[in-house]
C-alpha atoms as a PDB file:
ATOM      1  CA  UNK A   1     110.724  96.708 132.327  1.00  0.00           C
ATOM      2  CA  UNK A   2     110.838 100.859 132.062  1.00  0.00           C
ATOM      3  CA  UNK A   3     108.969 102.994 130.575  1.00  0.00           C
ATOM      4  CA  UNK A   4     112.267 104.154 127.936  1.00  0.00           C
ATOM      5  CA  UNK A   5     112.661 100.991 126.756  1.00  0.00           C
ATOM      6  CA  UNK A   6     108.659 100.054 126.215  1.00  0.00           C
ATOM      7  CA  UNK A   7     108.606 103.476 124.155  1.00  0.00           C
ATOM      8  CA  UNK A   8     111.763 102.431 122.375  1.00  0.00           C
ATOM      9  CA  UNK A   9     110.750  98.552 121.747  1.00  0.00           C
ATOM     10  CA  UNK A  10     107.025 100.606 120.325  1.00  0.00           C
ATOM     11  CA  UNK A  11     109.362 102.897 117.897  1.00  0.00           C
ATOM     12  CA  UNK A  12     111.342 100.145 116.837  1.00  0.00           C
ATOM     13  CA  UNK A  13     107.955  98.581 115.784  1.00  0.00           C
ATOM     14  CA  UNK A  14     106.333 100.954 114.525  1.00  0.00           C
ATOM     15  CA  UNK A  15     109.815 101.682 112.494  1.00  0.00           C
ATOM     16  CA  UNK A  16     109.417  98.075 111.149  1.00  0.00           C
ATOM     17  CA  UNK A  17     106.068  98.054 110.156  1.00  0.00           C
ATOM     18  CA  UNK A  18     106.453 101.354 108.171  1.00  0.00           C
ATOM     19  CA  UNK A  19     109.304  99.679 106.749  1.00  0.00           C
ATOM     20  CA  UNK A  20     107.660  96.816 105.382  1.00  0.00           C
ATOM     21  CA  UNK A  21     104.712  99.023 104.146  1.00  0.00           C
ATOM     22  CA  UNK A  22     107.154 101.060 102.351  1.00  0.00           C
ATOM     23  CA  UNK A  23     108.755  97.946 100.582  1.00  0.00           C
ATOM     24  CA  UNK A  24     104.941  96.442  99.800  1.00  0.00           C
ATOM     25  CA  UNK A  25     103.930  99.893  97.793  1.00  0.00           C
ATOM     26  CA  UNK A  26     107.614  99.578  96.044  1.00  0.00           C
ATOM     27  CA  UNK A  27     106.978  96.094  94.930  1.00  0.00           C
ATOM     28  CA  UNK A  28     103.843  96.838  93.971  1.00  0.00           C
ATOM     29  CA  UNK A  29     104.958  99.601  91.881  1.00  0.00           C
ATOM     30  CA  UNK A  30     107.853  97.691  90.048  1.00  0.00           C
ATOM     31  CA  UNK A  31     105.311  94.712  89.689  1.00  0.00           C
ATOM     32  CA  UNK A  32     103.342  97.344  87.142  1.00  0.00           C
ATOM     33  CA  UNK A  33     105.840  98.275  85.519  1.00  0.00           C
ATOM     34  CA  UNK A  34     107.502  95.053  85.004  1.00  0.00           C
ATOM     35  CA  UNK A  35     103.810  94.385  83.574  1.00  0.00           C
ATOM     36  CA  UNK A  36     103.745  97.926  81.388  1.00  0.00           C
ATOM     37  CA  UNK A  37     107.867  96.304  79.838  1.00  0.00           C
ATOM     38  CA  UNK A  38     106.417  93.196  79.142  1.00  0.00           C
ATOM     39  CA  UNK A  39     103.322  95.124  76.781  1.00  0.00           C
ATOM     40  CA  UNK A  40     105.730  97.223  75.288  1.00  0.00           C
ATOM     41  CA  UNK A  41     108.009  94.164  74.536  1.00  0.00           C
ATOM     42  CA  UNK A  42     105.400  91.866  72.579  1.00  0.00           C
ATOM     43  CA  UNK A  43     104.111  94.998  70.600  1.00  0.00           C
ATOM     44  CA  UNK A  44     108.014  96.071  69.568  1.00  0.00           C
ATOM     45  CA  UNK A  45     108.230  92.381  68.786  1.00  0.00           C
ATOM     46  CA  UNK A  46     105.161  91.755  67.288  1.00  0.00           C
ATOM     47  CA  UNK A  47     106.303  95.434  64.395  1.00  0.00           C
ATOM     48  CA  UNK A  48     109.412  94.536  64.240  1.00  0.00           C
ATOM     49  CA  UNK A  49     108.083  90.770  62.739  1.00  0.00           C
ATOM     50  CA  UNK A  50     105.211  92.804  60.946  1.00  0.00           C
ATOM     51  CA  UNK A  51     108.854  94.684  59.446  1.00  0.00           C
ATOM     52  CA  UNK A  52     110.472  91.431  58.463  1.00  0.00           C
ATOM     53  CA  UNK A  53     107.013  89.653  56.792  1.00  0.00           C
ATOM     54  CA  UNK A  54     106.662  87.797  59.577  1.00  0.00           C
ATOM     55  CA  UNK A  55     103.707  86.270  60.531  1.00  0.00           C
ATOM     56  CA  UNK A  56     102.829  86.665  63.843  1.00  0.00           C
END
């Protein structure tokens, strides 16, 4: 195989790995955001229940 094709293949592998790394980082960040939203929703439900006089 020529050096050019080896270079292209390695460049594609690096690019694919970088894309996977970015997707993983984004997935982790999304997980953090979703956890935060879940906690905020819990607080909002609790506050609403208190305003309505419902036992929580």
